Amino acid sequence: MSGNGSRNPARFVKETVREVRLVARGWRWGRRPLVPRSAEPYQLPKPQSIFPTAWARKPAANAVRDVVQRAGLRPLLRSTVTPQATGLDVLTRVRTPVLFVANHTSHLDTPLILCSLPDEWRRRTAVAAAADYFFDTWWRATGSAMVFNTFPIERRGGTLSATPGDLLDEGWNVVVYPEGTRSPDGWGGRFRMGAAWLAVEHKVPVVPIGIRGSYAAMPRGRGWPRPGRLPVRVRFGEPIWPGDDESPRVFSPKIRAAVARLLDEDATNWWDATRRAARGETPDPSGPPVASWRRIWAQTAPPVEGRRRGAWK
């Protein structure tokens, strides 16, 4: 027994593992071949199929979803986080349909909004969801449409689905996240003009929603909320209507400013946030221009508890 591997089995195993990993990194494992795109033969783009979701808004599906949300989703949410909803009285001053527009930092945002709404509002609310994420497989699409009443919307192709407008015309409330995706660091992103276009085109009011703490409770990349039932706040703001001749380009910044004011109000208090808004000094929800690790670190701190639990009592 003169070989080094025989004298040192641990070293032999270590070197073998290293070589296997080296081969694994170089192997394509079903990925595209290393051929320049210019050398590949031209292929027609595959037509995109739209997952049908009209069945999820039929009376039978609505009844099943109502039971699932009240008896399953709401207790599950309350067992993992400590939600608090405020400002729901604004819904008494507006008639359906409305466009709910919120900042988006976590997969918790949709269940938080739905479970915060009064039952009569929740039953008539649909949610716009990314077609390339929630509707990429049949089982994910079916579950999302059944539990959350989602419908697919294209966020990368530059086109706006006709479905949200059709739902508004049919009397459904629609939840839209103008940022298009979850924030990677918990701070706000650029608002696209889709929500403003829907409000202007269909003459519906926008109810802004500010959500704080969902990133700290379940940041991007986690499949389950962090332990400890961290506090999460959902604050509804006064509805805003687009002017008769107002364009989406002009109306969109007003929506973002309304969401920013709600986040400021929840972080401080109504009086100070109102004074800052009157002076045009509402803090930018996109956060400070500092290193990414500092931005993420700042958003991992949950909101301070101590307020009344409101609709979640």
Protein backbone atom coordinates (compact mmCIF):
# COMPACT_ATOMS: atom_id res chain seq x y z
CA MET A 1 0.00 0.00 0.00
CA SER A 2 2.18 2.75 -1.31
CA GLY A 3 -0.39 5.19 -2.80
CA ASN A 4 -1.15 8.45 -1.05
CA GLY A 5 -4.88 7.75 -1.29
CA SER A 6 -4.41 4.43 0.51
CA ARG A 7 -2.39 6.04 3.29
CA ASN A 8 -4.80 8.99 3.65
CA PRO A 9 -8.41 8.03 2.83
CA ALA A 10 -9.72 11.44 3.93
CA ARG A 11 -7.47 13.21 1.41
CA PHE A 12 -8.52 10.79 -1.33
CA VAL A 13 -12.19 11.48 -0.67
CA LYS A 14 -11.59 15.25 -0.57
CA GLU A 15 -9.75 15.25 -3.89
CA THR A 16 -12.43 13.08 -5.49
CA VAL A 17 -15.19 15.42 -4.35
CA ARG A 18 -13.25 18.41 -5.70
CA GLU A 19 -12.83 16.80 -9.10
CA VAL A 20 -16.52 15.81 -9.26
CA ARG A 21 -17.51 19.39 -8.49
CA LEU A 22 -15.12 20.64 -11.17
CA VAL A 23 -16.73 18.36 -13.75
CA ALA A 24 -20.21 19.38 -12.58
CA ARG A 25 -19.42 23.05 -13.04
CA GLY A 26 -18.22 22.48 -16.58
CA TRP A 27 -21.08 20.19 -17.60
CA ARG A 28 -24.04 21.89 -19.29
CA TRP A 29 -26.67 19.78 -17.50
CA GLY A 30 -29.39 20.29 -20.07
CA ARG A 31 -28.64 23.98 -20.65
CA ARG A 32 -28.10 25.66 -24.00
CA PRO A 33 -25.03 24.44 -25.96
CA LEU A 34 -22.04 26.71 -26.16
CA VAL A 35 -22.83 27.84 -29.69
CA PRO A 36 -22.85 31.53 -30.65
CA ARG A 37 -26.39 32.79 -31.11
CA SER A 38 -25.43 34.13 -34.54
CA ALA A 39 -24.53 30.59 -35.64
CA GLU A 40 -27.81 29.04 -34.55
CA PRO A 41 -30.55 28.50 -37.14
CA TYR A 42 -33.43 30.95 -36.90
CA GLN A 43 -36.52 29.64 -35.16
CA LEU A 44 -39.91 31.27 -34.97
CA PRO A 45 -40.77 32.39 -31.43
CA LYS A 46 -43.14 30.07 -29.65
CA PRO A 47 -46.62 31.52 -29.26
CA GLN A 48 -47.41 32.37 -25.65
CA SER A 49 -50.45 30.66 -24.22
CA ILE A 50 -52.52 32.56 -21.68
CA PHE A 51 -53.68 30.51 -18.70
CA PRO A 52 -57.47 30.91 -18.39
CA THR A 53 -58.66 32.21 -15.02
CA ALA A 54 -62.31 33.05 -15.68
CA TRP A 55 -63.29 29.79 -14.01
CA ALA A 56 -61.80 31.07 -10.73
CA ARG A 57 -64.43 33.83 -10.60
CA LYS A 58 -67.43 31.58 -11.09
CA PRO A 59 -69.88 31.27 -8.14
CA ALA A 60 -68.66 27.79 -7.16
CA ALA A 61 -65.00 28.82 -7.16
CA ASN A 62 -65.84 32.00 -5.25
CA ALA A 63 -67.58 29.96 -2.55
CA VAL A 64 -64.63 27.57 -2.21
CA ARG A 65 -62.12 30.42 -2.12
CA ASP A 66 -64.11 32.24 0.56
CA VAL A 67 -63.90 29.18 2.82
CA VAL A 68 -60.19 28.67 2.07
CA GLN A 69 -59.33 32.30 2.82
CA ARG A 70 -61.40 32.60 6.00
CA ALA A 71 -60.76 29.15 7.48
CA GLY A 72 -57.27 28.47 6.14
CA LEU A 73 -55.34 31.47 4.85
CA ARG A 74 -56.27 33.97 7.56
CA PRO A 75 -55.47 31.67 10.54
CA LEU A 76 -52.24 30.55 8.84
CA LEU A 77 -51.20 34.15 8.29
CA ARG A 78 -51.93 35.11 11.89
CA SER A 79 -49.92 32.12 13.12
CA THR A 80 -46.77 33.24 11.26
CA VAL A 81 -46.88 37.07 11.47
CA THR A 82 -48.65 39.71 13.56
CA PRO A 83 -50.68 41.71 11.04
CA GLN A 84 -52.27 45.09 11.69
CA ALA A 85 -54.64 46.85 9.29
CA THR A 86 -55.58 50.53 9.61
CA GLY A 87 -57.47 53.02 7.50
CA LEU A 88 -60.21 50.62 6.42
CA ASP A 89 -62.79 53.33 7.10
CA VAL A 90 -61.83 54.86 3.72
CA LEU A 91 -63.75 52.04 2.05
CA THR A 92 -66.99 53.51 3.42
CA ARG A 93 -66.36 56.62 1.30
CA VAL A 94 -65.91 54.90 -2.04
CA ARG A 95 -67.95 52.55 -4.20
CA THR A 96 -66.73 49.52 -6.11
CA PRO A 97 -64.95 48.92 -8.35
CA VAL A 98 -61.66 50.39 -7.17
CA LEU A 99 -58.02 49.89 -7.98
CA PHE A 100 -55.92 48.90 -4.95
CA VAL A 101 -52.33 50.02 -5.52
CA ALA A 102 -49.58 48.97 -3.08
CA ASN A 103 -45.83 48.79 -2.71
CA HIS A 104 -44.46 45.29 -3.12
CA THR A 105 -41.65 43.78 -1.03
CA SER A 106 -42.77 40.23 -0.19
CA HIS A 107 -45.00 37.32 -1.15
CA LEU A 108 -46.86 38.15 2.05
CA ASP A 109 -48.30 41.32 0.50
CA THR A 110 -51.18 39.70 -1.39
CA PRO A 111 -52.54 37.57 1.50
CA LEU A 112 -52.08 40.54 3.83
CA ILE A 113 -54.19 42.80 1.63
CA LEU A 114 -56.89 40.22 0.97
CA CYS A 115 -57.21 39.16 4.60
CA SER A 116 -57.31 42.79 5.74
CA LEU A 117 -60.30 43.65 3.56
CA PRO A 118 -63.86 43.31 4.85
CA ASP A 119 -65.49 40.12 3.58
CA GLU A 120 -67.77 41.86 1.10
CA TRP A 121 -64.75 43.60 -0.47
CA ARG A 122 -62.47 40.57 -0.36
CA ARG A 123 -64.97 38.39 -2.23
CA ARG A 124 -64.99 40.85 -5.15
CA THR A 125 -61.24 41.48 -5.40
CA ALA A 126 -58.85 40.00 -7.95
CA VAL A 127 -55.06 40.29 -7.99
CA ALA A 128 -52.73 40.94 -10.93
CA ALA A 129 -49.85 38.44 -10.85
CA ALA A 130 -46.76 38.03 -13.01
CA ALA A 131 -47.45 35.61 -15.86
CA ASP A 132 -43.84 34.43 -16.04
CA TYR A 133 -43.73 33.52 -12.33
CA PHE A 134 -47.15 32.48 -11.04
CA PHE A 135 -48.43 31.06 -14.33
CA ASP A 136 -45.37 29.22 -15.62
CA THR A 137 -46.71 25.81 -14.55
CA TRP A 138 -50.27 24.54 -14.44
CA TRP A 139 -50.22 23.58 -10.76
CA ARG A 140 -48.87 26.96 -9.62
CA ALA A 141 -51.32 28.80 -11.87
CA THR A 142 -54.28 26.76 -10.68
CA GLY A 143 -53.43 27.16 -7.00
CA SER A 144 -52.77 30.88 -7.31
CA ALA A 145 -56.00 31.54 -9.21
CA MET A 146 -58.03 29.42 -6.80
CA VAL A 147 -56.69 30.74 -3.49
CA PHE A 148 -55.91 34.38 -4.33
CA ASN A 149 -58.12 34.99 -7.40
CA THR A 150 -55.08 36.00 -9.45
CA PHE A 151 -54.96 36.58 -13.19
CA PRO A 152 -51.82 36.72 -15.37
CA ILE A 153 -50.33 40.00 -16.48
CA GLU A 154 -47.24 40.37 -18.65
CA ARG A 155 -44.57 42.44 -16.94
CA ARG A 156 -41.67 42.13 -19.38
CA GLY A 157 -43.14 42.35 -22.83
CA GLY A 158 -44.25 45.96 -22.61
CA THR A 159 -47.89 45.06 -23.20
CA LEU A 160 -50.77 45.48 -20.78
CA SER A 161 -53.24 42.66 -20.38
CA ALA A 162 -56.86 43.47 -21.16
CA THR A 163 -57.99 41.34 -18.21
CA PRO A 164 -57.69 43.98 -15.44
CA GLY A 165 -59.73 46.45 -17.48
CA ASP A 166 -62.35 43.82 -18.22
CA LEU A 167 -62.59 42.94 -14.52
CA LEU A 168 -63.01 46.61 -13.55
CA ASP A 169 -65.81 46.93 -16.12
CA GLU A 170 -67.46 43.87 -14.60
CA GLY A 171 -67.39 45.41 -11.11
CA TRP A 172 -64.37 43.58 -9.68
CA ASN A 173 -61.81 45.40 -7.55
CA VAL A 174 -58.24 44.83 -8.75
CA VAL A 175 -54.98 44.77 -6.77
CA VAL A 176 -51.99 46.05 -8.75
CA TYR A 177 -48.32 46.35 -7.82
CA PRO A 178 -46.96 49.11 -10.10
CA GLU A 179 -43.34 48.17 -9.33
CA GLY A 180 -43.90 44.96 -11.31
CA THR A 181 -41.88 42.77 -8.96
CA ARG A 182 -40.88 42.40 -5.34
CA SER A 183 -38.24 44.77 -4.07
CA PRO A 184 -34.82 43.11 -3.77
CA ASP A 185 -33.91 45.15 -0.67
CA GLY A 186 -37.23 46.19 0.89
CA TRP A 187 -37.22 49.74 -0.49
CA GLY A 188 -39.60 51.10 -3.10
CA GLY A 189 -38.93 50.95 -6.81
CA ARG A 190 -40.08 52.85 -9.88
CA PHE A 191 -43.84 52.88 -10.44
CA ARG A 192 -44.83 51.88 -13.94
CA MET A 193 -47.80 53.62 -15.52
CA GLY A 194 -50.07 50.57 -15.89
CA ALA A 195 -52.08 51.31 -12.75
CA ALA A 196 -52.47 54.97 -13.67
CA TRP A 197 -53.56 54.01 -17.18
CA LEU A 198 -56.23 51.66 -15.82
CA ALA A 199 -57.58 54.34 -13.48
CA VAL A 200 -57.69 56.97 -16.23
CA GLU A 201 -59.05 54.68 -18.92
CA HIS A 202 -61.79 53.10 -16.80
CA LYS A 203 -62.59 56.10 -14.60
CA VAL A 204 -62.10 54.27 -11.30
CA PRO A 205 -60.61 55.58 -8.05
CA VAL A 206 -57.29 54.39 -6.69
CA VAL A 207 -57.06 53.30 -3.06
CA PRO A 208 -53.35 53.48 -2.12
CA ILE A 209 -51.94 50.93 0.31
CA GLY A 210 -48.71 51.18 2.26
CA ILE A 211 -47.23 47.92 3.58
CA ARG A 212 -44.43 47.94 6.15
CA GLY A 213 -42.69 44.98 7.75
CA SER A 214 -43.44 42.33 5.13
CA TYR A 215 -39.85 42.41 3.87
CA ALA A 216 -38.51 41.95 7.41
CA ALA A 217 -40.94 39.08 7.97
CA MET A 218 -40.38 37.32 4.64
CA PRO A 219 -37.78 38.89 2.34
CA ARG A 220 -37.19 37.89 -1.22
CA GLY A 221 -35.64 34.43 -1.40
CA ARG A 222 -37.43 32.96 1.63
CA GLY A 223 -40.18 30.40 1.20
CA TRP A 224 -41.68 30.90 4.65
CA PRO A 225 -41.91 33.82 7.14
CA ARG A 226 -39.18 34.24 9.70
CA PRO A 227 -39.99 32.82 13.15
CA GLY A 228 -41.31 35.02 15.92
CA ARG A 229 -44.59 36.30 14.38
CA LEU A 230 -43.02 39.60 13.36
CA PRO A 231 -45.35 42.61 13.07
CA VAL A 232 -46.56 43.65 9.62
CA ARG A 233 -48.70 46.72 8.92
CA VAL A 234 -51.15 47.39 6.12
CA ARG A 235 -52.36 51.00 5.88
CA PHE A 236 -55.14 52.06 3.50
CA GLY A 237 -55.21 55.66 2.28
CA GLU A 238 -57.84 58.05 1.02
CA PRO A 239 -59.04 57.23 -2.50
CA ILE A 240 -57.80 59.46 -5.30
CA TRP A 241 -59.48 60.02 -8.65
CA PRO A 242 -57.82 60.99 -11.91
CA GLY A 243 -58.91 64.31 -13.41
CA ASP A 244 -61.14 64.43 -16.48
CA ASP A 245 -58.28 65.39 -18.79
CA GLU A 246 -55.45 63.96 -16.70
CA SER A 247 -52.99 61.69 -18.46
CA PRO A 248 -51.53 58.52 -16.91
CA ARG A 249 -48.08 60.14 -17.01
CA VAL A 250 -49.33 62.94 -14.75
CA PHE A 251 -51.49 60.74 -12.52
CA SER A 252 -48.87 58.03 -11.85
CA PRO A 253 -46.60 60.23 -9.65
CA LYS A 254 -49.64 61.13 -7.55
CA ILE A 255 -50.27 57.44 -6.84
CA ARG A 256 -46.66 56.89 -5.82
CA ALA A 257 -46.76 60.00 -3.61
CA ALA A 258 -49.90 58.68 -1.87
CA VAL A 259 -48.23 55.34 -1.12
CA ALA A 260 -45.08 57.14 0.07
CA ARG A 261 -47.15 59.29 2.43
CA LEU A 262 -48.78 56.19 3.95
CA LEU A 263 -45.38 54.62 4.57
CA ASP A 264 -44.19 57.85 6.19
CA GLU A 265 -47.34 58.09 8.30
CA ASP A 266 -46.96 54.54 9.56
CA ALA A 267 -43.29 55.07 10.38
CA THR A 268 -44.00 58.32 12.29
CA ASN A 269 -47.50 59.71 12.87
CA TRP A 270 -50.35 61.27 10.92
CA TRP A 271 -49.62 64.87 11.92
CA ASP A 272 -45.93 64.91 11.03
CA ALA A 273 -46.53 62.98 7.79
CA THR A 274 -49.28 65.42 6.80
CA ARG A 275 -47.04 68.44 7.42
CA ARG A 276 -44.21 66.91 5.41
CA ALA A 277 -46.60 66.09 2.56
CA ALA A 278 -47.88 69.69 2.54
CA ARG A 279 -44.29 70.95 2.27
CA GLY A 280 -43.40 68.39 -0.38
CA GLU A 281 -40.90 66.75 1.96
CA THR A 282 -42.30 63.21 2.16
CA PRO A 283 -39.34 60.80 2.32
CA ASP A 284 -38.63 59.02 -0.94
CA PRO A 285 -39.71 55.36 -0.54
CA SER A 286 -36.79 54.29 -2.72
CA GLY A 287 -34.51 54.88 0.28
CA PRO A 288 -31.06 56.43 0.66
CA PRO A 289 -28.34 56.01 -1.98
CA VAL A 290 -26.05 53.87 0.16
CA ALA A 291 -24.45 50.46 -0.17
CA SER A 292 -26.85 47.59 -0.86
CA TRP A 293 -25.98 45.77 2.35
CA ARG A 294 -26.93 48.86 4.38
CA ARG A 295 -30.24 49.18 2.54
CA ILE A 296 -31.08 45.54 3.22
CA TRP A 297 -29.95 45.77 6.83
CA ALA A 298 -32.17 48.82 7.43
CA GLN A 299 -35.25 47.01 6.10
CA THR A 300 -34.75 43.84 8.13
CA ALA A 301 -35.87 45.65 11.29
CA PRO A 302 -39.63 45.07 11.79
CA PRO A 303 -41.96 47.97 12.67
CA VAL A 304 -42.22 48.83 16.33
CA GLU A 305 -45.25 47.23 17.94
CA GLY A 306 -47.61 48.84 20.38
CA ARG A 307 -50.54 49.99 18.30
CA ARG A 308 -54.07 48.66 18.26
CA ARG A 309 -54.49 45.66 15.99
CA GLY A 310 -57.49 47.14 14.22
CA ALA A 311 -59.19 44.81 11.77
CA TRP A 312 -57.20 41.81 12.99
CA LYS A 313 -58.63 41.85 16.51
